[in-house]
Amino acid sequence: MKVIIWILALIPIVYMSFRYSFEFGWHWQYVVVDFVHKYFGVYLGESLSRPVTFLQDTTAKTALNMFIAVLALQPLYAYLKINLLKYRRMIGLFGFFYATLHVMIFIAIKHNFHLDEVYAAAKEHIFILFGMIAFAIFSIMAVTSIDFLYKRFASWHKLFYIAMIFIIIHFLFAHKTISFEFIVYTITISALLALRLGIR
């Protein structure tokens, strides 16, 4: 199961690297795209019109999907007797990895490490502030997920539920529209939170 999780977790970063590599003007990617499209019927895409936005969106959605998977593990065990709880930390850390990439793209690529610009952006756009608070919570959880620290700070991990709510707010205001995708994410997270909080 660990191997499957590793493969699924690394697919997004491999795909992002492949798509972003078009920006360097290389030509081998087109050979790969044509081959995969011709023999497997899957279109991998070509050059990106907004590469930074693509990286931000992909890392954000990958992190969110992994955090949703973490949220789903306890209800899966409680209601369906499918026990994957021992992989919760592993999946959560992968989610934190992609969340960190998302934040670093915002700070390093979009604002070139100008923290005054980052602060100004957070002050101007409330969704950035919600995202930063959620990331701070995820950071605390990642650090305290180490065994000897988890025993001491286990109660802090309940902040995960608040972070997920903040992420939904971040998602909504970042996209400035209530899309079908947003509705699906909101319903899924709300249902999982209700199920998880209903477990004694």
N, C-alpha and C. Protein backbone atom coordinates (compact mmCIF):
# COMPACT_ATOMS: atom_id res chain seq x y z
N MET A 1 0.83 -1.21 0.00
CA MET A 1 0.00 0.00 0.00
C MET A 1 0.87 1.27 0.00
N LYS A 2 2.00 1.20 0.70
CA LYS A 2 2.90 2.36 0.73
C LYS A 2 3.40 2.71 -0.66
N VAL A 3 3.69 1.68 -1.44
CA VAL A 3 4.19 1.90 -2.80
C VAL A 3 3.13 2.61 -3.65
N ILE A 4 1.88 2.18 -3.49
CA ILE A 4 0.77 2.78 -4.23
C ILE A 4 0.62 4.25 -3.84
N ILE A 5 0.69 4.54 -2.55
CA ILE A 5 0.58 5.92 -2.07
C ILE A 5 1.71 6.77 -2.62
N TRP A 6 2.93 6.24 -2.60
CA TRP A 6 4.08 6.98 -3.15
C TRP A 6 3.87 7.29 -4.62
N ILE A 7 3.41 6.30 -5.39
CA ILE A 7 3.21 6.50 -6.83
C ILE A 7 2.13 7.56 -7.07
N LEU A 8 1.00 7.43 -6.39
CA LEU A 8 -0.09 8.40 -6.55
C LEU A 8 0.33 9.80 -6.11
N ALA A 9 1.15 9.86 -5.07
CA ALA A 9 1.58 11.17 -4.56
C ALA A 9 2.59 11.84 -5.47
N LEU A 10 3.38 11.06 -6.19
CA LEU A 10 4.41 11.64 -7.04
C LEU A 10 3.93 11.93 -8.47
N ILE A 11 2.82 11.33 -8.88
CA ILE A 11 2.29 11.59 -10.23
C ILE A 11 2.06 13.07 -10.48
N PRO A 12 1.43 13.82 -9.56
CA PRO A 12 1.19 15.25 -9.83
C PRO A 12 2.47 16.05 -10.06
N ILE A 13 3.52 15.78 -9.28
CA ILE A 13 4.74 16.58 -9.44
C ILE A 13 5.48 16.22 -10.73
N VAL A 14 5.38 14.95 -11.13
CA VAL A 14 5.96 14.54 -12.41
C VAL A 14 5.21 15.22 -13.55
N TYR A 15 3.89 15.23 -13.45
CA TYR A 15 3.07 15.87 -14.49
C TYR A 15 3.33 17.37 -14.54
N MET A 16 3.41 18.02 -13.37
CA MET A 16 3.70 19.45 -13.34
C MET A 16 5.06 19.76 -13.96
N SER A 17 6.04 18.94 -13.63
CA SER A 17 7.39 19.15 -14.18
C SER A 17 7.38 19.00 -15.69
N PHE A 18 6.63 18.01 -16.17
CA PHE A 18 6.55 17.77 -17.61
C PHE A 18 5.89 18.95 -18.32
N ARG A 19 4.74 19.40 -17.79
CA ARG A 19 4.04 20.51 -18.42
C ARG A 19 4.85 21.80 -18.36
N TYR A 20 5.49 22.05 -17.23
CA TYR A 20 6.25 23.28 -17.06
C TYR A 20 7.50 23.29 -17.93
N SER A 21 8.02 22.10 -18.27
CA SER A 21 9.25 22.01 -19.07
C SER A 21 9.07 22.58 -20.48
N PHE A 22 7.83 22.72 -20.94
CA PHE A 22 7.59 23.34 -22.25
C PHE A 22 8.08 24.79 -22.27
N GLU A 23 8.11 25.41 -21.08
CA GLU A 23 8.53 26.81 -21.00
C GLU A 23 10.00 27.01 -21.35
N PHE A 24 10.78 25.92 -21.35
CA PHE A 24 12.21 26.03 -21.64
C PHE A 24 12.51 25.88 -23.12
N GLY A 25 11.48 25.67 -23.93
CA GLY A 25 11.67 25.60 -25.38
C GLY A 25 12.25 24.29 -25.89
N TRP A 26 12.22 23.25 -25.07
CA TRP A 26 12.70 21.95 -25.53
C TRP A 26 11.68 21.32 -26.47
N HIS A 27 12.06 20.27 -27.18
CA HIS A 27 11.18 19.66 -28.18
C HIS A 27 10.81 18.20 -27.87
N TRP A 28 11.53 17.57 -26.95
CA TRP A 28 11.26 16.17 -26.67
C TRP A 28 9.86 15.95 -26.10
N GLN A 29 9.31 16.98 -25.44
CA GLN A 29 7.98 16.83 -24.84
C GLN A 29 6.92 16.57 -25.90
N TYR A 30 7.07 17.20 -27.06
CA TYR A 30 6.08 17.02 -28.12
C TYR A 30 6.09 15.58 -28.64
N VAL A 31 7.27 14.98 -28.65
CA VAL A 31 7.38 13.57 -29.06
C VAL A 31 6.61 12.70 -28.08
N VAL A 32 6.78 12.99 -26.78
CA VAL A 32 6.08 12.22 -25.75
C VAL A 32 4.57 12.43 -25.85
N VAL A 33 4.15 13.69 -26.01
CA VAL A 33 2.72 14.01 -26.13
C VAL A 33 2.10 13.28 -27.31
N ASP A 34 2.76 13.32 -28.47
CA ASP A 34 2.24 12.65 -29.66
C ASP A 34 2.17 11.14 -29.48
N PHE A 35 3.19 10.58 -28.85
CA PHE A 35 3.23 9.13 -28.66
C PHE A 35 2.10 8.67 -27.73
N VAL A 36 1.97 9.35 -26.57
CA VAL A 36 0.94 8.97 -25.61
C VAL A 36 -0.45 9.17 -26.19
N HIS A 37 -0.63 10.27 -26.93
CA HIS A 37 -1.94 10.54 -27.53
C HIS A 37 -2.28 9.51 -28.61
N LYS A 38 -1.29 9.13 -29.39
CA LYS A 38 -1.51 8.21 -30.50
C LYS A 38 -1.79 6.79 -30.02
N TYR A 39 -1.03 6.31 -29.05
CA TYR A 39 -1.13 4.91 -28.64
C TYR A 39 -1.98 4.66 -27.38
N PHE A 40 -2.21 5.72 -26.61
CA PHE A 40 -3.00 5.54 -25.39
C PHE A 40 -4.25 6.41 -25.35
N GLY A 41 -4.37 7.31 -26.31
CA GLY A 41 -5.55 8.16 -26.38
C GLY A 41 -5.65 9.20 -25.28
N VAL A 42 -4.52 9.49 -24.62
CA VAL A 42 -4.49 10.48 -23.54
C VAL A 42 -3.70 11.70 -24.02
N TYR A 43 -4.32 12.86 -23.91
CA TYR A 43 -3.65 14.10 -24.33
C TYR A 43 -3.03 14.77 -23.11
N LEU A 44 -1.72 14.92 -23.12
CA LEU A 44 -1.01 15.46 -21.97
C LEU A 44 -0.90 16.98 -21.98
N GLY A 45 -1.29 17.59 -23.08
CA GLY A 45 -1.23 19.05 -23.16
C GLY A 45 0.10 19.54 -23.70
N GLU A 46 0.14 20.82 -24.04
CA GLU A 46 1.37 21.39 -24.58
C GLU A 46 1.78 22.59 -23.75
N SER A 47 2.25 23.64 -24.38
CA SER A 47 2.75 24.81 -23.66
C SER A 47 1.62 25.49 -22.88
N LEU A 48 1.95 25.99 -21.72
CA LEU A 48 0.97 26.63 -20.84
C LEU A 48 0.89 28.12 -21.11
N SER A 49 -0.32 28.64 -21.11
CA SER A 49 -0.48 30.08 -21.30
C SER A 49 -0.16 30.84 -20.02
N ARG A 50 -0.43 30.21 -18.87
CA ARG A 50 -0.16 30.84 -17.56
C ARG A 50 0.53 29.79 -16.67
N PRO A 51 1.82 29.57 -16.88
CA PRO A 51 2.52 28.48 -16.17
C PRO A 51 2.52 28.60 -14.65
N VAL A 52 2.69 29.80 -14.12
CA VAL A 52 2.72 29.96 -12.66
C VAL A 52 1.35 29.66 -12.06
N THR A 53 0.30 30.13 -12.72
CA THR A 53 -1.06 29.84 -12.26
C THR A 53 -1.32 28.33 -12.29
N PHE A 54 -0.84 27.68 -13.34
CA PHE A 54 -0.97 26.22 -13.45
C PHE A 54 -0.31 25.52 -12.27
N LEU A 55 0.91 25.93 -11.94
CA LEU A 55 1.63 25.33 -10.82
C LEU A 55 0.92 25.58 -9.51
N GLN A 56 0.44 26.80 -9.32
CA GLN A 56 -0.28 27.13 -8.09
C GLN A 56 -1.56 26.31 -7.94
N ASP A 57 -2.33 26.25 -9.01
CA ASP A 57 -3.60 25.52 -8.95
C ASP A 57 -3.39 24.02 -8.74
N THR A 58 -2.40 23.46 -9.44
CA THR A 58 -2.17 22.02 -9.35
C THR A 58 -1.65 21.62 -7.97
N THR A 59 -0.71 22.39 -7.43
CA THR A 59 -0.21 22.07 -6.09
C THR A 59 -1.31 22.24 -5.04
N ALA A 60 -2.14 23.27 -5.21
CA ALA A 60 -3.23 23.51 -4.25
C ALA A 60 -4.24 22.37 -4.26
N LYS A 61 -4.66 21.97 -5.45
CA LYS A 61 -5.68 20.91 -5.54
C LYS A 61 -5.12 19.56 -5.11
N THR A 62 -3.84 19.32 -5.40
CA THR A 62 -3.23 18.06 -4.97
C THR A 62 -3.17 18.01 -3.44
N ALA A 63 -2.74 19.11 -2.82
CA ALA A 63 -2.70 19.16 -1.36
C ALA A 63 -4.09 18.98 -0.77
N LEU A 64 -5.07 19.65 -1.35
CA LEU A 64 -6.44 19.56 -0.85
C LEU A 64 -6.97 18.13 -0.97
N ASN A 65 -6.71 17.48 -2.09
CA ASN A 65 -7.17 16.10 -2.29
C ASN A 65 -6.55 15.16 -1.26
N MET A 66 -5.29 15.40 -0.93
CA MET A 66 -4.63 14.54 0.05
C MET A 66 -5.16 14.80 1.46
N PHE A 67 -5.44 16.05 1.77
CA PHE A 67 -6.03 16.35 3.07
C PHE A 67 -7.44 15.78 3.19
N ILE A 68 -8.17 15.76 2.08
CA ILE A 68 -9.49 15.13 2.07
C ILE A 68 -9.36 13.63 2.32
N ALA A 69 -8.33 13.02 1.72
CA ALA A 69 -8.07 11.59 1.94
C ALA A 69 -7.79 11.32 3.41
N VAL A 70 -7.00 12.19 4.03
CA VAL A 70 -6.72 12.05 5.47
C VAL A 70 -8.02 12.14 6.28
N LEU A 71 -8.85 13.09 5.92
CA LEU A 71 -10.12 13.29 6.61
C LEU A 71 -11.05 12.10 6.45
N ALA A 72 -10.91 11.38 5.34
CA ALA A 72 -11.80 10.26 5.04
C ALA A 72 -11.40 8.97 5.74
N LEU A 73 -10.16 8.87 6.23
CA LEU A 73 -9.67 7.60 6.77
C LEU A 73 -10.43 7.13 8.00
N GLN A 74 -10.72 8.04 8.93
CA GLN A 74 -11.43 7.65 10.15
C GLN A 74 -12.87 7.20 9.85
N PRO A 75 -13.64 7.95 9.04
CA PRO A 75 -14.98 7.46 8.68
C PRO A 75 -14.95 6.12 7.93
N LEU A 76 -13.94 5.93 7.09
CA LEU A 76 -13.81 4.65 6.38
C LEU A 76 -13.68 3.50 7.37
N TYR A 77 -12.90 3.73 8.39
CA TYR A 77 -12.71 2.68 9.39
C TYR A 77 -13.95 2.51 10.26
N ALA A 78 -14.54 3.62 10.66
CA ALA A 78 -15.68 3.56 11.58
C ALA A 78 -16.93 2.97 10.94
N TYR A 79 -17.18 3.32 9.68
CA TYR A 79 -18.44 2.93 9.05
C TYR A 79 -18.31 1.76 8.08
N LEU A 80 -17.14 1.60 7.48
CA LEU A 80 -16.96 0.52 6.49
C LEU A 80 -15.93 -0.52 6.91
N LYS A 81 -15.31 -0.29 8.06
CA LYS A 81 -14.30 -1.21 8.60
C LYS A 81 -13.10 -1.38 7.67
N ILE A 82 -12.79 -0.35 6.92
CA ILE A 82 -11.60 -0.35 6.07
C ILE A 82 -10.52 0.39 6.83
N ASN A 83 -9.52 -0.33 7.30
CA ASN A 83 -8.52 0.26 8.19
C ASN A 83 -7.26 0.67 7.42
N LEU A 84 -7.18 1.96 7.13
CA LEU A 84 -5.99 2.52 6.49
C LEU A 84 -5.39 3.62 7.37
N LEU A 85 -5.73 3.59 8.64
CA LEU A 85 -5.34 4.66 9.54
C LEU A 85 -3.82 4.79 9.70
N LYS A 86 -3.11 3.70 9.54
CA LYS A 86 -1.66 3.77 9.71
C LYS A 86 -0.97 4.57 8.61
N TYR A 87 -1.72 4.86 7.53
CA TYR A 87 -1.16 5.65 6.44
C TYR A 87 -1.54 7.13 6.54
N ARG A 88 -2.24 7.48 7.60
CA ARG A 88 -2.73 8.86 7.75
C ARG A 88 -1.58 9.86 7.79
N ARG A 89 -0.56 9.56 8.57
CA ARG A 89 0.58 10.48 8.69
C ARG A 89 1.29 10.62 7.33
N MET A 90 1.48 9.52 6.66
CA MET A 90 2.17 9.52 5.36
C MET A 90 1.44 10.38 4.34
N ILE A 91 0.13 10.17 4.22
CA ILE A 91 -0.66 10.94 3.27
C ILE A 91 -0.70 12.41 3.68
N GLY A 92 -0.83 12.65 4.97
CA GLY A 92 -0.86 14.03 5.47
C GLY A 92 0.43 14.77 5.17
N LEU A 93 1.56 14.11 5.31
CA LEU A 93 2.85 14.75 5.02
C LEU A 93 3.01 15.03 3.52
N PHE A 94 2.49 14.15 2.69
CA PHE A 94 2.50 14.42 1.26
C PHE A 94 1.63 15.65 0.95
N GLY A 95 0.49 15.72 1.62
CA GLY A 95 -0.37 16.89 1.45
C GLY A 95 0.34 18.16 1.88
N PHE A 96 1.06 18.08 3.00
CA PHE A 96 1.82 19.24 3.48
C PHE A 96 2.93 19.61 2.51
N PHE A 97 3.54 18.61 1.89
CA PHE A 97 4.58 18.85 0.88
C PHE A 97 4.04 19.69 -0.27
N TYR A 98 2.88 19.31 -0.78
CA TYR A 98 2.29 20.05 -1.90
C TYR A 98 1.78 21.43 -1.44
N ALA A 99 1.29 21.51 -0.22
CA ALA A 99 0.87 22.81 0.31
C ALA A 99 2.08 23.74 0.43
N THR A 100 3.23 23.19 0.84
CA THR A 100 4.46 23.97 0.93
C THR A 100 4.90 24.45 -0.45
N LEU A 101 4.81 23.57 -1.45
CA LEU A 101 5.13 23.98 -2.82
C LEU A 101 4.21 25.12 -3.27
N HIS A 102 2.94 25.00 -2.93
CA HIS A 102 1.96 26.02 -3.29
C HIS A 102 2.35 27.38 -2.69
N VAL A 103 2.71 27.37 -1.42
CA VAL A 103 3.10 28.61 -0.74
C VAL A 103 4.41 29.15 -1.30
N MET A 104 5.37 28.27 -1.56
CA MET A 104 6.67 28.71 -2.07
C MET A 104 6.56 29.28 -3.48
N ILE A 105 5.67 28.74 -4.29
CA ILE A 105 5.45 29.30 -5.62
C ILE A 105 4.92 30.73 -5.50
N PHE A 106 4.01 30.91 -4.55
CA PHE A 106 3.45 32.24 -4.30
C PHE A 106 4.52 33.23 -3.82
N ILE A 107 5.36 32.78 -2.88
CA ILE A 107 6.37 33.67 -2.30
C ILE A 107 7.59 33.83 -3.22
N ALA A 108 8.09 32.71 -3.74
CA ALA A 108 9.36 32.74 -4.49
C ALA A 108 9.20 33.16 -5.94
N ILE A 109 8.22 32.57 -6.63
CA ILE A 109 8.08 32.84 -8.06
C ILE A 109 7.23 34.08 -8.31
N LYS A 110 6.10 34.15 -7.62
CA LYS A 110 5.18 35.25 -7.88
C LYS A 110 5.66 36.57 -7.27
N HIS A 111 6.32 36.49 -6.10
CA HIS A 111 6.74 37.72 -5.42
C HIS A 111 8.25 37.81 -5.19
N ASN A 112 8.99 36.85 -5.74
CA ASN A 112 10.46 36.89 -5.71
C ASN A 112 11.03 37.14 -4.30
N PHE A 113 10.41 36.50 -3.32
CA PHE A 113 10.84 36.57 -1.92
C PHE A 113 10.74 37.99 -1.32
N HIS A 114 9.95 38.86 -1.93
CA HIS A 114 9.73 40.18 -1.37
C HIS A 114 8.60 40.06 -0.34
N LEU A 115 8.97 39.90 0.90
CA LEU A 115 7.97 39.64 1.94
C LEU A 115 7.03 40.81 2.17
N ASP A 116 7.51 42.02 1.84
CA ASP A 116 6.62 43.18 1.96
C ASP A 116 5.47 43.07 0.96
N GLU A 117 5.76 42.53 -0.23
CA GLU A 117 4.72 42.32 -1.23
C GLU A 117 3.75 41.23 -0.78
N VAL A 118 4.29 40.18 -0.18
CA VAL A 118 3.46 39.09 0.32
C VAL A 118 2.51 39.62 1.40
N TYR A 119 3.06 40.42 2.29
CA TYR A 119 2.25 41.01 3.37
C TYR A 119 1.16 41.91 2.79
N ALA A 120 1.53 42.72 1.80
CA ALA A 120 0.57 43.63 1.17
C ALA A 120 -0.54 42.84 0.48
N ALA A 121 -0.16 41.74 -0.18
CA ALA A 121 -1.15 40.91 -0.88
C ALA A 121 -2.11 40.27 0.11
N ALA A 122 -1.58 39.78 1.25
CA ALA A 122 -2.42 39.18 2.27
C ALA A 122 -3.35 40.20 2.90
N LYS A 123 -2.87 41.43 3.01
CA LYS A 123 -3.68 42.50 3.60
C LYS A 123 -4.79 42.92 2.65
N GLU A 124 -4.50 42.86 1.35
CA GLU A 124 -5.47 43.29 0.34
C GLU A 124 -6.48 42.21 0.02
N HIS A 125 -6.02 40.95 -0.01
CA HIS A 125 -6.89 39.83 -0.39
C HIS A 125 -7.07 38.90 0.80
N ILE A 126 -8.26 38.88 1.35
CA ILE A 126 -8.53 38.12 2.56
C ILE A 126 -8.31 36.62 2.37
N PHE A 127 -8.50 36.11 1.14
CA PHE A 127 -8.36 34.67 0.92
C PHE A 127 -6.91 34.22 1.13
N ILE A 128 -5.95 35.12 0.89
CA ILE A 128 -4.54 34.78 1.11
C ILE A 128 -4.29 34.61 2.60
N LEU A 129 -4.89 35.47 3.41
CA LEU A 129 -4.76 35.37 4.86
C LEU A 129 -5.31 34.05 5.38
N PHE A 130 -6.49 33.65 4.89
CA PHE A 130 -7.08 32.37 5.29
C PHE A 130 -6.17 31.21 4.89
N GLY A 131 -5.59 31.30 3.70
CA GLY A 131 -4.67 30.26 3.24
C GLY A 131 -3.43 30.17 4.11
N MET A 132 -2.90 31.32 4.51
CA MET A 132 -1.71 31.35 5.35
C MET A 132 -1.98 30.78 6.74
N ILE A 133 -3.15 31.10 7.28
CA ILE A 133 -3.51 30.54 8.59
C ILE A 133 -3.64 29.02 8.51
N ALA A 134 -4.29 28.54 7.44
CA ALA A 134 -4.42 27.10 7.24
C ALA A 134 -3.05 26.45 7.11
N PHE A 135 -2.15 27.08 6.36
CA PHE A 135 -0.80 26.52 6.17
C PHE A 135 -0.04 26.50 7.50
N ALA A 136 -0.23 27.52 8.32
CA ALA A 136 0.41 27.55 9.64
C ALA A 136 -0.06 26.37 10.48
N ILE A 137 -1.35 26.08 10.41
CA ILE A 137 -1.90 24.94 11.15
C ILE A 137 -1.31 23.63 10.63
N PHE A 138 -1.27 23.48 9.30
CA PHE A 138 -0.70 22.27 8.72
C PHE A 138 0.78 22.13 9.09
N SER A 139 1.49 23.25 9.18
CA SER A 139 2.90 23.21 9.56
C SER A 139 3.07 22.69 10.99
N ILE A 140 2.22 23.18 11.88
CA ILE A 140 2.25 22.71 13.28
C ILE A 140 1.98 21.22 13.33
N MET A 141 1.00 20.77 12.56
CA MET A 141 0.66 19.35 12.55
C MET A 141 1.80 18.51 11.98
N ALA A 142 2.46 19.01 10.95
CA ALA A 142 3.58 18.26 10.35
C ALA A 142 4.71 18.09 11.35
N VAL A 143 5.04 19.18 12.06
CA VAL A 143 6.13 19.13 13.03
C VAL A 143 5.78 18.21 14.20
N THR A 144 4.56 18.30 14.68
CA THR A 144 4.15 17.51 15.84
C THR A 144 3.67 16.10 15.48
N SER A 145 3.81 15.71 14.20
CA SER A 145 3.42 14.35 13.82
C SER A 145 4.50 13.33 14.19
N ILE A 146 5.69 13.84 14.57
CA ILE A 146 6.75 12.95 15.05
C ILE A 146 6.26 12.27 16.32
N ASP A 147 6.54 10.98 16.44
CA ASP A 147 5.95 10.16 17.50
C ASP A 147 6.03 10.77 18.89
N PHE A 148 7.23 11.18 19.32
CA PHE A 148 7.38 11.66 20.70
C PHE A 148 6.71 13.02 20.90
N LEU A 149 6.53 13.78 19.82
CA LEU A 149 5.83 15.05 19.93
C LEU A 149 4.32 14.87 19.82
N TYR A 150 3.91 13.90 19.02
CA TYR A 150 2.47 13.67 18.83
C TYR A 150 1.78 13.32 20.15
N LYS A 151 2.46 12.54 20.97
CA LYS A 151 1.86 12.15 22.25
C LYS A 151 1.56 13.36 23.11
N ARG A 152 2.38 14.39 22.95
CA ARG A 152 2.22 15.59 23.77
C ARG A 152 1.24 16.59 23.15
N PHE A 153 1.21 16.62 21.82
CA PHE A 153 0.41 17.65 21.13
C PHE A 153 -0.74 17.06 20.30
N ALA A 154 -1.18 15.87 20.64
CA ALA A 154 -2.24 15.20 19.87
C ALA A 154 -3.50 16.05 19.79
N SER A 155 -3.82 16.74 20.86
CA SER A 155 -5.05 17.55 20.88
C SER A 155 -4.98 18.70 19.88
N TRP A 156 -3.77 19.16 19.57
CA TRP A 156 -3.61 20.26 18.62
C TRP A 156 -4.05 19.86 17.22
N HIS A 157 -4.01 18.56 16.94
CA HIS A 157 -4.34 18.09 15.60
C HIS A 157 -5.83 18.23 15.28
N LYS A 158 -6.62 18.57 16.28
CA LYS A 158 -8.03 18.86 16.02
C LYS A 158 -8.19 20.16 15.24
N LEU A 159 -7.14 20.99 15.23
CA LEU A 159 -7.15 22.22 14.44
C LEU A 159 -7.24 21.92 12.94
N PHE A 160 -6.97 20.69 12.59
CA PHE A 160 -7.06 20.26 11.19
C PHE A 160 -8.43 20.57 10.61
N TYR A 161 -9.47 20.39 11.40
CA TYR A 161 -10.84 20.62 10.94
C TYR A 161 -11.06 22.11 10.62
N ILE A 162 -10.51 22.96 11.47
CA ILE A 162 -10.61 24.40 11.23
C ILE A 162 -9.84 24.78 9.97
N ALA A 163 -8.66 24.17 9.81
CA ALA A 163 -7.84 24.45 8.62
C ALA A 163 -8.58 24.08 7.34
N MET A 164 -9.31 22.98 7.36
CA MET A 164 -10.05 22.55 6.17
C MET A 164 -11.15 23.56 5.82
N ILE A 165 -11.79 24.11 6.84
CA ILE A 165 -12.81 25.15 6.60
C ILE A 165 -12.16 26.39 6.00
N PHE A 166 -11.00 26.76 6.54
CA PHE A 166 -10.28 27.93 6.01
C PHE A 166 -9.87 27.71 4.56
N ILE A 167 -9.51 26.47 4.23
CA ILE A 167 -9.10 26.16 2.86
C ILE A 167 -10.27 26.33 1.89
N ILE A 168 -11.45 25.94 2.31
CA ILE A 168 -12.63 26.11 1.47
C ILE A 168 -12.88 27.60 1.21
N ILE A 169 -12.75 28.41 2.26
CA ILE A 169 -12.90 29.86 2.10
C ILE A 169 -11.82 30.40 1.17
N HIS A 170 -10.60 29.94 1.36
CA HIS A 170 -9.47 30.34 0.51
C HIS A 170 -9.77 29.99 -0.95
N PHE A 171 -10.27 28.79 -1.17
CA PHE A 171 -10.59 28.31 -2.52
C PHE A 171 -11.65 29.19 -3.17
N LEU A 172 -12.71 29.49 -2.42
CA LEU A 172 -13.83 30.26 -2.95
C LEU A 172 -13.38 31.66 -3.39
N PHE A 173 -12.72 32.38 -2.49
CA PHE A 173 -12.35 33.76 -2.79
C PHE A 173 -11.21 33.86 -3.81
N ALA A 174 -10.38 32.81 -3.88
CA ALA A 174 -9.28 32.81 -4.85
C ALA A 174 -9.82 32.71 -6.27
N HIS A 175 -10.89 31.92 -6.45
CA HIS A 175 -11.45 31.72 -7.79
C HIS A 175 -12.59 32.68 -8.10
N LYS A 176 -13.08 33.39 -7.07
CA LYS A 176 -14.07 34.45 -7.24
C LYS A 176 -15.37 33.99 -7.90
N THR A 177 -15.62 32.70 -7.85
CA THR A 177 -16.87 32.19 -8.43
C THR A 177 -17.21 30.86 -7.78
N ILE A 178 -18.50 30.58 -7.68
CA ILE A 178 -18.93 29.30 -7.12
C ILE A 178 -19.08 28.32 -8.29
N SER A 179 -18.02 27.60 -8.57
CA SER A 179 -17.99 26.65 -9.67
C SER A 179 -18.51 25.29 -9.21
N PHE A 180 -18.75 24.41 -10.17
CA PHE A 180 -19.18 23.05 -9.84
C PHE A 180 -18.10 22.34 -9.02
N GLU A 181 -16.84 22.60 -9.38
CA GLU A 181 -15.72 22.00 -8.65
C GLU A 181 -15.74 22.43 -7.19
N PHE A 182 -15.97 23.72 -6.96
CA PHE A 182 -16.02 24.23 -5.59
C PHE A 182 -17.16 23.59 -4.81
N ILE A 183 -18.32 23.44 -5.45
CA ILE A 183 -19.47 22.81 -4.79
C ILE A 183 -19.16 21.38 -4.39
N VAL A 184 -18.50 20.63 -5.30
CA VAL A 184 -18.14 19.24 -5.01
C VAL A 184 -17.18 19.17 -3.83
N TYR A 185 -16.16 20.03 -3.83
CA TYR A 185 -15.21 20.06 -2.72
C TYR A 185 -15.90 20.41 -1.41
N THR A 186 -16.77 21.41 -1.45
CA THR A 186 -17.46 21.85 -0.23
C THR A 186 -18.35 20.76 0.34
N ILE A 187 -19.13 20.12 -0.52
CA ILE A 187 -20.02 19.04 -0.08
C ILE A 187 -19.21 17.88 0.48
N THR A 188 -18.13 17.51 -0.21
CA THR A 188 -17.29 16.39 0.22
C THR A 188 -16.67 16.66 1.59
N ILE A 189 -16.07 17.84 1.74
CA ILE A 189 -15.42 18.18 3.01
C ILE A 189 -16.45 18.31 4.13
N SER A 190 -17.58 18.93 3.84
CA SER A 190 -18.63 19.09 4.85
C SER A 190 -19.15 17.74 5.32
N ALA A 191 -19.37 16.84 4.37
CA ALA A 191 -19.87 15.50 4.71
C ALA A 191 -18.86 14.73 5.54
N LEU A 192 -17.58 14.81 5.15
CA LEU A 192 -16.54 14.10 5.90
C LEU A 192 -16.35 14.68 7.30
N LEU A 193 -16.45 16.02 7.39
CA LEU A 193 -16.35 16.65 8.72
C LEU A 193 -17.51 16.20 9.61
N ALA A 194 -18.71 16.15 9.04
CA ALA A 194 -19.87 15.72 9.81
C ALA A 194 -19.72 14.27 10.26
N LEU A 195 -19.26 13.41 9.37
CA LEU A 195 -19.05 12.01 9.71
C LEU A 195 -17.95 11.85 10.77
N ARG A 196 -16.85 12.60 10.55
CA ARG A 196 -15.72 12.49 11.49
C ARG A 196 -16.11 13.00 12.87
N LEU A 197 -16.80 14.12 12.96
CA LEU A 197 -17.18 14.67 14.25
C LEU A 197 -18.27 13.85 14.92
N GLY A 198 -18.95 13.02 14.13
CA GLY A 198 -19.99 12.16 14.69
C GLY A 198 -19.45 10.88 15.28
N ILE A 199 -18.15 10.63 15.04
CA ILE A 199 -17.52 9.42 15.58
C ILE A 199 -17.04 9.69 17.00
N ARG A 200 -17.43 8.83 17.89
CA ARG A 200 -17.03 8.99 19.30
C ARG A 200 -15.68 8.31 19.54
